[in-house]
Amino acid sequence: MSRGRLVHGNVLLVEGAGVWITGEPGSGKSDLTLALVDRGHRMVADDVAWISLREGRLEARADPVQFGMIHIRDLGVVDLAQLFGSQALCPWVALDLRIDLSQSRQPPRQSCPDELLAGRRSGRSVLNESLPCIAMSVHPSRPLALLVECAARQHQQARNLGPHPWDQGRNTPLQGTTCV
């Protein structure tokens, strides 16, 4: 039997990568999920997901009662299969990447030279397994759906090709340093 836990956030299959979107209530997780589904990606779970460890990989599933439903502020609960067809849904996904949304009143600014090259990346532990995490600032001027697609593509390329040359031999934020 696999061990697991319920977590807050939305889970999607984006560009072939399992993406877990986290953030405070009202940060735009469901709006971002709806935008990604509209762009052809598949939703696994909205608001709550079951994450388990199976054969060394983190997997995420929706609560069976909520599968296919998404709560959109001002619209209520929406059945994605009715709006987009069953191809908009995915019953489970192996998790590859976490995107953590943070609210910002001002457009985002990079705070240190390493962030200019490597972004706001870190590793987060889930069920004692490391999961790459990218912090994204939420601001009306930011095309978040496009940024999540780019992050998923970058992750897939790094998994297939290895790290970018400027990361080799450096202690990048992805490897554990933080900017002060």
C-alpha atoms as a PDB file:
ATOM      1  CA  MET A   1       0.000   0.000   0.000  1.00  0.00           C
ATOM      2  CA  SER A   2       1.364   3.449  -0.891  1.00  0.00           C
ATOM      3  CA  ARG A   3       1.551   6.165   1.722  1.00  0.00           C
ATOM      4  CA  GLY A   4       0.202   9.609   0.994  1.00  0.00           C
ATOM      5  CA  ARG A   5      -1.553  12.737   2.172  1.00  0.00           C
ATOM      6  CA  LEU A   6      -4.114  15.323   1.148  1.00  0.00           C
ATOM      7  CA  VAL A   7      -2.604  18.617   0.022  1.00  0.00           C
ATOM      8  CA  HIS A   8      -3.968  22.041  -0.896  1.00  0.00           C
ATOM      9  CA  GLY A   9      -3.495  23.137  -4.489  1.00  0.00           C
ATOM     10  CA  ASN A  10      -4.338  22.330  -8.082  1.00  0.00           C
ATOM     11  CA  VAL A  11      -2.726  19.611 -10.196  1.00  0.00           C
ATOM     12  CA  LEU A  12      -2.474  19.518 -13.987  1.00  0.00           C
ATOM     13  CA  LEU A  13      -0.686  17.783 -16.824  1.00  0.00           C
ATOM     14  CA  VAL A  14       1.126  20.600 -18.680  1.00  0.00           C
ATOM     15  CA  GLU A  15       3.432  19.917 -21.638  1.00  0.00           C
ATOM     16  CA  GLY A  16       3.813  16.319 -20.451  1.00  0.00           C
ATOM     17  CA  ALA A  17       4.817  17.343 -16.903  1.00  0.00           C
ATOM     18  CA  GLY A  18       2.798  16.853 -13.736  1.00  0.00           C
ATOM     19  CA  VAL A  19       2.460  20.332 -12.215  1.00  0.00           C
ATOM     20  CA  TRP A  20       1.211  21.071  -8.691  1.00  0.00           C
ATOM     21  CA  ILE A  21       0.133  24.715  -8.289  1.00  0.00           C
ATOM     22  CA  THR A  22       0.140  26.019  -4.714  1.00  0.00           C
ATOM     23  CA  GLY A  23      -0.551  29.381  -3.112  1.00  0.00           C
ATOM     24  CA  GLU A  24      -2.662  31.168  -0.548  1.00  0.00           C
ATOM     25  CA  PRO A  25      -6.454  31.144  -0.955  1.00  0.00           C
ATOM     26  CA  GLY A  26      -7.382  33.752  -3.557  1.00  0.00           C
ATOM     27  CA  SER A  27      -3.944  33.711  -5.222  1.00  0.00           C
ATOM     28  CA  GLY A  28      -5.429  32.629  -8.566  1.00  0.00           C
ATOM     29  CA  LYS A  29      -4.763  28.868  -8.644  1.00  0.00           C
ATOM     30  CA  SER A  30      -8.173  27.983 -10.102  1.00  0.00           C
ATOM     31  CA  ASP A  31      -8.176  30.891 -12.575  1.00  0.00           C
ATOM     32  CA  LEU A  32      -4.723  29.783 -13.756  1.00  0.00           C
ATOM     33  CA  THR A  33      -5.923  26.186 -13.993  1.00  0.00           C
ATOM     34  CA  LEU A  34      -8.913  27.254 -16.104  1.00  0.00           C
ATOM     35  CA  ALA A  35      -6.604  29.255 -18.408  1.00  0.00           C
ATOM     36  CA  LEU A  36      -4.278  26.244 -18.816  1.00  0.00           C
ATOM     37  CA  VAL A  37      -7.201  23.908 -19.591  1.00  0.00           C
ATOM     38  CA  ASP A  38      -8.421  26.445 -22.157  1.00  0.00           C
ATOM     39  CA  ARG A  39      -4.937  26.211 -23.741  1.00  0.00           C
ATOM     40  CA  GLY A  40      -5.296  22.426 -24.107  1.00  0.00           C
ATOM     41  CA  HIS A  41      -3.744  21.086 -20.892  1.00  0.00           C
ATOM     42  CA  ARG A  42      -5.453  18.598 -18.580  1.00  0.00           C
ATOM     43  CA  MET A  43      -6.662  19.092 -15.007  1.00  0.00           C
ATOM     44  CA  VAL A  44      -6.233  16.383 -12.393  1.00  0.00           C
ATOM     45  CA  ALA A  45      -7.494  18.179  -9.266  1.00  0.00           C
ATOM     46  CA  ASP A  46      -8.781  21.540  -8.069  1.00  0.00           C
ATOM     47  CA  ASP A  47      -8.140  22.800  -4.541  1.00  0.00           C
ATOM     48  CA  VAL A  48      -7.398  19.403  -2.939  1.00  0.00           C
ATOM     49  CA  ALA A  49      -5.295  16.505  -4.227  1.00  0.00           C
ATOM     50  CA  TRP A  50      -4.132  13.194  -2.825  1.00  0.00           C
ATOM     51  CA  ILE A  51      -0.356  12.854  -3.216  1.00  0.00           C
ATOM     52  CA  SER A  52       1.225   9.452  -2.726  1.00  0.00           C
ATOM     53  CA  LEU A  53       4.574   7.811  -3.245  1.00  0.00           C
ATOM     54  CA  ARG A  54       4.442   4.887  -5.655  1.00  0.00           C
ATOM     55  CA  GLU A  55       7.552   3.065  -6.862  1.00  0.00           C
ATOM     56  CA  GLY A  56       9.784   6.024  -5.975  1.00  0.00           C
ATOM     57  CA  ARG A  57       7.639   8.653  -7.779  1.00  0.00           C
ATOM     58  CA  LEU A  58       5.226  11.197  -6.399  1.00  0.00           C
ATOM     59  CA  GLU A  59       1.735  10.799  -7.874  1.00  0.00           C
ATOM     60  CA  ALA A  60      -1.293  13.062  -7.528  1.00  0.00           C
ATOM     61  CA  ARG A  61      -4.979  12.171  -7.854  1.00  0.00           C
ATOM     62  CA  ALA A  62      -8.236  14.039  -7.421  1.00  0.00           C
ATOM     63  CA  ASP A  63     -10.820  13.270  -4.797  1.00  0.00           C
ATOM     64  CA  PRO A  64     -13.258  11.010  -6.744  1.00  0.00           C
ATOM     65  CA  VAL A  65     -16.223  13.123  -5.616  1.00  0.00           C
ATOM     66  CA  GLN A  66     -14.621  16.344  -6.945  1.00  0.00           C
ATOM     67  CA  PHE A  67     -13.006  14.911 -10.096  1.00  0.00           C
ATOM     68  CA  GLY A  68     -13.657  17.176 -13.073  1.00  0.00           C
ATOM     69  CA  MET A  69     -15.071  20.023 -10.998  1.00  0.00           C
ATOM     70  CA  ILE A  70     -13.373  23.368 -10.469  1.00  0.00           C
ATOM     71  CA  HIS A  71     -14.484  26.248  -8.277  1.00  0.00           C
ATOM     72  CA  ILE A  72     -14.093  29.603 -10.005  1.00  0.00           C
ATOM     73  CA  ARG A  73     -14.700  32.724  -7.946  1.00  0.00           C
ATOM     74  CA  ASP A  74     -17.823  34.562  -9.199  1.00  0.00           C
ATOM     75  CA  LEU A  75     -18.905  31.564 -11.355  1.00  0.00           C
ATOM     76  CA  GLY A  76     -19.232  28.852  -8.708  1.00  0.00           C
ATOM     77  CA  VAL A  77     -18.522  25.180  -9.359  1.00  0.00           C
ATOM     78  CA  VAL A  78     -17.887  24.410 -13.034  1.00  0.00           C
ATOM     79  CA  ASP A  79     -17.893  20.960 -14.674  1.00  0.00           C
ATOM     80  CA  LEU A  80     -14.856  21.031 -16.988  1.00  0.00           C
ATOM     81  CA  ALA A  81     -15.959  17.954 -18.960  1.00  0.00           C
ATOM     82  CA  GLN A  82     -19.176  19.765 -19.919  1.00  0.00           C
ATOM     83  CA  LEU A  83     -17.282  22.858 -21.054  1.00  0.00           C
ATOM     84  CA  PHE A  84     -14.158  21.359 -22.624  1.00  0.00           C
ATOM     85  CA  GLY A  85     -14.889  17.634 -23.054  1.00  0.00           C
ATOM     86  CA  SER A  86     -13.416  14.658 -21.219  1.00  0.00           C
ATOM     87  CA  GLN A  87      -9.979  15.284 -22.825  1.00  0.00           C
ATOM     88  CA  ALA A  88      -9.633  18.256 -20.426  1.00  0.00           C
ATOM     89  CA  LEU A  89      -9.340  15.843 -17.496  1.00  0.00           C
ATOM     90  CA  CYS A  90      -6.680  13.438 -16.326  1.00  0.00           C
ATOM     91  CA  PRO A  91      -7.330  10.961 -13.460  1.00  0.00           C
ATOM     92  CA  TRP A  92      -3.761  10.994 -12.079  1.00  0.00           C
ATOM     93  CA  VAL A  93      -0.303  12.252 -12.898  1.00  0.00           C
ATOM     94  CA  ALA A  94       3.290  11.699 -11.771  1.00  0.00           C
ATOM     95  CA  LEU A  95       4.402  14.979 -10.187  1.00  0.00           C
ATOM     96  CA  ASP A  96       7.406  16.702 -11.738  1.00  0.00           C
ATOM     97  CA  LEU A  97       7.196  20.325 -10.646  1.00  0.00           C
ATOM     98  CA  ARG A  98       5.583  22.614  -8.093  1.00  0.00           C
ATOM     99  CA  ILE A  99       4.632  26.206  -8.917  1.00  0.00           C
ATOM    100  CA  ASP A 100       4.084  28.378  -5.842  1.00  0.00           C
ATOM    101  CA  LEU A 101       2.024  31.519  -6.523  1.00  0.00           C
ATOM    102  CA  SER A 102       2.643  34.594  -4.375  1.00  0.00           C
ATOM    103  CA  GLN A 103       0.634  37.816  -4.422  1.00  0.00           C
ATOM    104  CA  SER A 104       2.397  41.042  -5.308  1.00  0.00           C
ATOM    105  CA  ARG A 105       1.092  44.591  -5.466  1.00  0.00           C
ATOM    106  CA  GLN A 106       3.929  45.613  -7.785  1.00  0.00           C
ATOM    107  CA  PRO A 107       5.370  43.994 -10.909  1.00  0.00           C
ATOM    108  CA  PRO A 108       7.989  41.388  -9.921  1.00  0.00           C
ATOM    109  CA  ARG A 109      11.653  42.323  -9.776  1.00  0.00           C
ATOM    110  CA  GLN A 110      14.608  39.978  -9.552  1.00  0.00           C
ATOM    111  CA  SER A 111      16.352  40.491  -6.246  1.00  0.00           C
ATOM    112  CA  CYS A 112      19.803  39.027  -6.862  1.00  0.00           C
ATOM    113  CA  PRO A 113      22.098  38.052  -9.764  1.00  0.00           C
ATOM    114  CA  ASP A 114      21.491  34.295  -9.347  1.00  0.00           C
ATOM    115  CA  GLU A 115      17.743  34.838  -9.797  1.00  0.00           C
ATOM    116  CA  LEU A 116      18.426  36.659 -13.077  1.00  0.00           C
ATOM    117  CA  LEU A 117      20.065  33.496 -14.430  1.00  0.00           C
ATOM    118  CA  ALA A 118      18.230  30.678 -12.673  1.00  0.00           C
ATOM    119  CA  GLY A 119      14.896  32.166 -11.577  1.00  0.00           C
ATOM    120  CA  ARG A 120      13.293  31.638  -8.190  1.00  0.00           C
ATOM    121  CA  ARG A 121      13.865  27.883  -7.952  1.00  0.00           C
ATOM    122  CA  SER A 122      14.218  25.620  -4.964  1.00  0.00           C
ATOM    123  CA  GLY A 123      13.618  22.033  -3.945  1.00  0.00           C
ATOM    124  CA  ARG A 124      10.727  21.120  -1.640  1.00  0.00           C
ATOM    125  CA  SER A 125      10.298  17.873   0.226  1.00  0.00           C
ATOM    126  CA  VAL A 126       6.996  16.020  -0.156  1.00  0.00           C
ATOM    127  CA  LEU A 127       6.685  12.626   1.537  1.00  0.00           C
ATOM    128  CA  ASN A 128      10.490  12.739   1.923  1.00  0.00           C
ATOM    129  CA  GLU A 129      10.945  13.082  -1.845  1.00  0.00           C
ATOM    130  CA  SER A 130      12.429  16.203  -3.418  1.00  0.00           C
ATOM    131  CA  LEU A 131      10.185  18.111  -5.823  1.00  0.00           C
ATOM    132  CA  PRO A 132      11.525  21.084  -7.837  1.00  0.00           C
ATOM    133  CA  CYS A 133       9.642  24.291  -7.004  1.00  0.00           C
ATOM    134  CA  ILE A 134       9.425  27.626  -8.808  1.00  0.00           C
ATOM    135  CA  ALA A 135       8.038  30.684  -6.992  1.00  0.00           C
ATOM    136  CA  MET A 136       5.975  32.903  -9.328  1.00  0.00           C
ATOM    137  CA  SER A 137       4.715  36.359  -8.455  1.00  0.00           C
ATOM    138  CA  VAL A 138       1.082  36.973  -9.349  1.00  0.00           C
ATOM    139  CA  HIS A 139       0.411  40.324 -10.984  1.00  0.00           C
ATOM    140  CA  PRO A 140      -2.208  41.311 -13.603  1.00  0.00           C
ATOM    141  CA  SER A 141       0.548  42.116 -16.106  1.00  0.00           C
ATOM    142  CA  ARG A 142       2.026  38.600 -15.986  1.00  0.00           C
ATOM    143  CA  PRO A 143       0.953  35.899 -18.489  1.00  0.00           C
ATOM    144  CA  LEU A 144       0.947  33.127 -15.855  1.00  0.00           C
ATOM    145  CA  ALA A 145      -0.426  30.384 -18.125  1.00  0.00           C
ATOM    146  CA  LEU A 146       2.397  31.001 -20.601  1.00  0.00           C
ATOM    147  CA  LEU A 147       4.972  31.107 -17.778  1.00  0.00           C
ATOM    148  CA  VAL A 148       3.762  27.773 -16.375  1.00  0.00           C
ATOM    149  CA  GLU A 149       3.973  26.241 -19.871  1.00  0.00           C
ATOM    150  CA  CYS A 150       7.555  27.538 -20.206  1.00  0.00           C
ATOM    151  CA  ALA A 151       8.471  26.189 -16.751  1.00  0.00           C
ATOM    152  CA  ALA A 152       7.044  22.758 -17.645  1.00  0.00           C
ATOM    153  CA  ARG A 153       8.944  22.732 -20.962  1.00  0.00           C
ATOM    154  CA  GLN A 154      12.184  23.771 -19.246  1.00  0.00           C
ATOM    155  CA  HIS A 155      11.730  21.021 -16.676  1.00  0.00           C
ATOM    156  CA  GLN A 156      11.118  18.406 -19.377  1.00  0.00           C
ATOM    157  CA  GLN A 157      14.173  19.577 -21.341  1.00  0.00           C
ATOM    158  CA  ALA A 158      16.383  19.536 -18.238  1.00  0.00           C
ATOM    159  CA  ARG A 159      15.190  16.022 -17.438  1.00  0.00           C
ATOM    160  CA  ASN A 160      15.963  14.877 -20.991  1.00  0.00           C
ATOM    161  CA  LEU A 161      19.133  16.884 -21.698  1.00  0.00           C
ATOM    162  CA  GLY A 162      20.577  17.670 -18.267  1.00  0.00           C
ATOM    163  CA  PRO A 163      21.133  21.072 -16.642  1.00  0.00           C
ATOM    164  CA  HIS A 164      21.842  24.221 -18.611  1.00  0.00           C
ATOM    165  CA  PRO A 165      25.599  24.795 -19.121  1.00  0.00           C
ATOM    166  CA  TRP A 166      25.667  27.845 -16.826  1.00  0.00           C
ATOM    167  CA  ASP A 167      24.356  25.656 -13.959  1.00  0.00           C
ATOM    168  CA  GLN A 168      27.102  23.038 -14.232  1.00  0.00           C
ATOM    169  CA  GLY A 169      29.546  23.292 -11.364  1.00  0.00           C
ATOM    170  CA  ARG A 170      27.711  26.237  -9.806  1.00  0.00           C
ATOM    171  CA  ASN A 171      25.745  26.305  -6.623  1.00  0.00           C
ATOM    172  CA  THR A 172      22.467  27.533  -8.190  1.00  0.00           C
ATOM    173  CA  PRO A 173      19.242  28.291  -6.317  1.00  0.00           C
ATOM    174  CA  LEU A 174      17.900  24.973  -7.612  1.00  0.00           C
ATOM    175  CA  GLN A 175      20.692  23.266  -5.701  1.00  0.00           C
ATOM    176  CA  GLY A 176      19.869  24.970  -2.429  1.00  0.00           C
ATOM    177  CA  THR A 177      21.243  28.497  -2.186  1.00  0.00           C
ATOM    178  CA  THR A 178      18.943  31.390  -1.381  1.00  0.00           C
ATOM    179  CA  CYS A 179      19.207  35.069  -2.240  1.00  0.00           C
ATOM    180  CA  VAL A 180      19.297  37.586   0.582  1.00  0.00           C
END
